[in-house]
Amino acid sequence: MPLRDNHPRIEELEIFMSDLSKTVGTGFAEYYEELRVNLHTWVTSLSEEQFWKNPFSYGNSVGHLVLHLSGNLNYYIGAQIAATGYVRDRPREFTETSRPSKRQVLEGFDAAIAMVMDTVRKQSAEDWNAEYSAAGVTCKNRFAIVLSCAAHADHHIGQILNLSRELVR
C-alpha cells in the first residue's frame, strides 16, 4: 500500500528515530558523566576514615552509598541491559565491613558509570522501548530504567553532598 503524499516517508522517519536515539543516548551519557564528576567533587576532601564514617545516628556512610550506587547501576543497567553477568548483593552494599579503600570504591563507581555511558550510547530506537523487568523496579522499558537510575544516583549524590559537608566541619 503506497504512502500518502502528506505522510513522511519511511526513510525519513527511520532517520529521525535514529537521530533521536543518538540524542537520547548522548544526553544520558553526558548526564551520567556529570553525576560522576559531582560525586568525586564531594568525596575528594574526605579522608579514608571520613569516607566510612556516618556523622548521624541514621542513614549510611559515604562509602556505603557509593557501593550502593555502583551496585544499582551494575545490576539494573549492567546485568539487565548490557548482559555483564553482574550478580548483586544489595544488603552488603550497606553493611560492607571490610571497607575497601576510597580509591577502590571510586574506581568501581567510575567503572559502573563508564559501562552505563557505553551502554546508553549503543541503544537504538527499538532498544529504548524494549521491554524491561528486574527485581525491585516497576520500569517497563529501557528508557524508563535508565532515567530511574539517573534520578536514584542524583538523590544519593545529594545525600553524599550533605554527609561530606558535615564530615569536613
Protein backbone atom coordinates (compact mmCIF):
# COMPACT_ATOMS: atom_id res chain seq x y z
CA MET A 1 0.00 0.00 0.00
CA PRO A 2 1.65 3.29 -1.05
CA LEU A 3 2.16 6.07 1.49
CA ARG A 4 0.12 9.20 1.03
CA ASP A 5 1.97 12.29 -0.12
CA ASN A 6 1.18 14.16 3.10
CA HIS A 7 2.86 11.49 5.34
CA PRO A 8 6.59 11.40 5.97
CA ARG A 9 8.41 8.75 4.06
CA ILE A 10 9.56 5.68 5.95
CA GLU A 11 13.23 6.52 5.33
CA GLU A 12 12.79 9.99 6.81
CA LEU A 13 11.08 8.53 9.86
CA GLU A 14 13.86 5.99 10.33
CA ILE A 15 16.48 8.74 10.12
CA PHE A 16 14.55 10.82 12.63
CA MET A 17 14.27 7.91 15.07
CA SER A 18 17.95 7.09 14.69
CA ASP A 19 18.88 10.72 15.35
CA LEU A 20 16.54 10.82 18.35
CA SER A 21 18.08 7.63 19.77
CA LYS A 22 21.55 9.14 19.42
CA THR A 23 20.37 12.35 21.09
CA VAL A 24 18.84 10.42 23.99
CA GLY A 25 21.90 8.20 24.38
CA THR A 26 24.31 11.14 24.26
CA GLY A 27 22.17 13.13 26.69
CA PHE A 28 22.08 10.30 29.19
CA ALA A 29 25.81 9.63 28.79
CA GLU A 30 26.62 13.29 29.45
CA TYR A 31 24.33 13.36 32.48
CA TYR A 32 25.88 10.22 33.97
CA GLU A 33 29.33 11.76 33.49
CA GLU A 34 28.09 14.87 35.30
CA LEU A 35 26.89 12.66 38.16
CA ARG A 36 30.34 11.01 38.32
CA VAL A 37 32.10 14.37 38.46
CA ASN A 38 29.70 15.64 41.14
CA LEU A 39 30.28 12.60 43.31
CA HIS A 40 34.06 12.97 43.03
CA THR A 41 33.76 16.67 43.90
CA TRP A 42 32.08 15.84 47.19
CA VAL A 43 34.28 12.95 48.27
CA THR A 44 37.73 14.23 47.24
CA SER A 45 38.34 16.07 50.51
CA LEU A 46 37.26 13.14 52.69
CA SER A 47 39.87 11.04 54.44
CA GLU A 48 39.63 7.24 54.40
CA GLU A 49 38.13 7.38 57.90
CA GLN A 50 35.58 10.06 56.96
CA PHE A 51 34.61 8.14 53.82
CA TRP A 52 33.37 5.27 56.01
CA LYS A 53 32.06 7.31 58.95
CA ASN A 54 28.42 8.25 59.32
CA PRO A 55 28.12 11.53 61.26
CA PHE A 56 24.46 10.87 62.04
CA SER A 57 22.60 8.26 64.07
CA TYR A 58 20.65 7.25 60.94
CA GLY A 59 21.41 6.56 57.31
CA ASN A 60 24.63 5.39 55.71
CA SER A 61 28.25 6.40 55.29
CA VAL A 62 29.50 7.94 52.05
CA GLY A 63 31.41 4.73 51.33
CA HIS A 64 28.31 2.58 51.65
CA LEU A 65 26.28 4.95 49.47
CA VAL A 66 28.92 4.80 46.73
CA LEU A 67 28.93 0.98 46.95
CA HIS A 68 25.13 1.11 46.67
CA LEU A 69 25.21 3.37 43.61
CA SER A 70 27.72 1.08 41.91
CA GLY A 71 25.64 -1.98 42.71
CA ASN A 72 22.47 -0.31 41.48
CA LEU A 73 23.98 0.65 38.11
CA ASN A 74 25.80 -2.64 37.65
CA TYR A 75 22.59 -4.58 38.27
CA TYR A 76 19.84 -2.56 36.59
CA ILE A 77 21.83 -1.44 33.55
CA GLY A 78 24.85 -3.76 33.51
CA ALA A 79 23.27 -7.13 34.22
CA GLN A 80 19.84 -6.43 32.74
CA ILE A 81 20.70 -4.43 29.60
CA ALA A 82 24.41 -4.83 28.88
CA ALA A 83 24.40 -8.52 29.91
CA THR A 84 27.57 -8.14 32.01
CA GLY A 85 26.75 -11.09 34.25
CA TYR A 86 26.90 -8.92 37.38
CA VAL A 87 25.34 -10.57 40.43
CA ARG A 88 24.13 -8.12 43.04
CA ASP A 89 24.43 -8.45 46.80
CA ARG A 90 22.32 -5.43 47.76
CA PRO A 91 22.39 -5.91 51.56
CA ARG A 92 26.20 -5.96 51.51
CA GLU A 93 26.25 -2.55 49.80
CA PHE A 94 25.02 -1.13 53.12
CA THR A 95 26.81 -3.47 55.53
CA GLU A 96 30.26 -3.98 53.98
CA THR A 97 32.66 -4.35 56.89
CA SER A 98 35.94 -4.94 55.03
CA ARG A 99 35.97 -1.27 54.00
CA PRO A 100 37.88 -1.29 50.72
CA SER A 101 39.94 1.83 50.12
CA LYS A 102 38.21 5.00 48.99
CA ARG A 103 40.21 4.74 45.76
CA GLN A 104 38.93 1.20 45.10
CA VAL A 105 35.33 2.15 45.76
CA LEU A 106 35.56 5.19 43.49
CA GLU A 107 37.21 3.11 40.76
CA GLY A 108 34.28 0.70 40.98
CA PHE A 109 31.83 3.58 40.70
CA ASP A 110 33.74 5.04 37.75
CA ALA A 111 33.72 1.65 36.02
CA ALA A 112 29.95 1.38 36.55
CA ILE A 113 29.44 4.87 35.09
CA ALA A 114 31.67 4.04 32.09
CA MET A 115 29.64 0.89 31.46
CA VAL A 116 26.38 2.86 31.65
CA MET A 117 27.69 5.54 29.29
CA ASP A 118 28.81 2.91 26.78
CA THR A 119 25.50 1.04 27.06
CA VAL A 120 23.24 4.08 26.60
CA ARG A 121 25.20 5.28 23.58
CA LYS A 122 24.55 1.92 21.87
CA GLN A 123 20.76 1.93 22.26
CA SER A 124 18.62 2.13 19.13
CA ALA A 125 15.04 3.40 19.00
CA GLU A 126 13.84 -0.18 19.37
CA ASP A 127 16.24 -0.77 22.28
CA TRP A 128 14.96 2.23 24.24
CA ASN A 129 11.44 0.87 24.01
CA ALA A 130 12.42 -2.76 24.67
CA GLU A 131 10.50 -4.45 27.47
CA TYR A 132 12.29 -4.33 30.81
CA SER A 133 11.81 -6.06 34.12
CA ALA A 134 14.02 -6.62 37.15
CA ALA A 135 13.63 -7.19 40.85
CA GLY A 136 12.72 -4.07 42.80
CA VAL A 137 11.54 -1.80 39.97
CA THR A 138 8.36 -1.19 38.02
CA CYS A 139 10.01 0.30 34.92
CA LYS A 140 8.51 -1.17 31.76
CA ASN A 141 11.23 -0.27 29.22
CA ARG A 142 14.92 0.55 28.99
CA PHE A 143 14.38 4.30 28.72
CA ALA A 144 12.45 4.26 32.00
CA ILE A 145 15.11 2.29 33.92
CA VAL A 146 17.98 4.44 32.65
CA LEU A 147 16.05 7.55 33.70
CA SER A 148 15.14 5.98 37.05
CA CYS A 149 18.78 5.05 37.75
CA ALA A 150 19.89 8.59 36.93
CA ALA A 151 17.33 10.03 39.37
CA HIS A 152 18.35 7.48 42.01
CA ALA A 153 22.03 8.39 41.64
CA ASP A 154 21.23 12.10 41.77
CA HIS A 155 19.27 11.57 45.00
CA HIS A 156 22.09 9.71 46.72
CA ILE A 157 24.73 12.15 45.49
CA GLY A 158 22.66 14.84 47.22
CA GLN A 159 22.91 12.79 50.41
CA ILE A 160 26.65 12.43 49.87
CA LEU A 161 26.94 16.21 49.49
CA ASN A 162 25.25 16.70 52.88
CA LEU A 163 27.30 13.97 54.57
CA SER A 164 30.54 15.39 53.18
CA ARG A 165 29.73 18.89 54.38
CA GLU A 166 29.01 17.55 57.84
CA LEU A 167 32.14 15.39 57.93
CA VAL A 168 34.56 18.21 56.99
CA ARG A 169 33.17 20.67 59.52
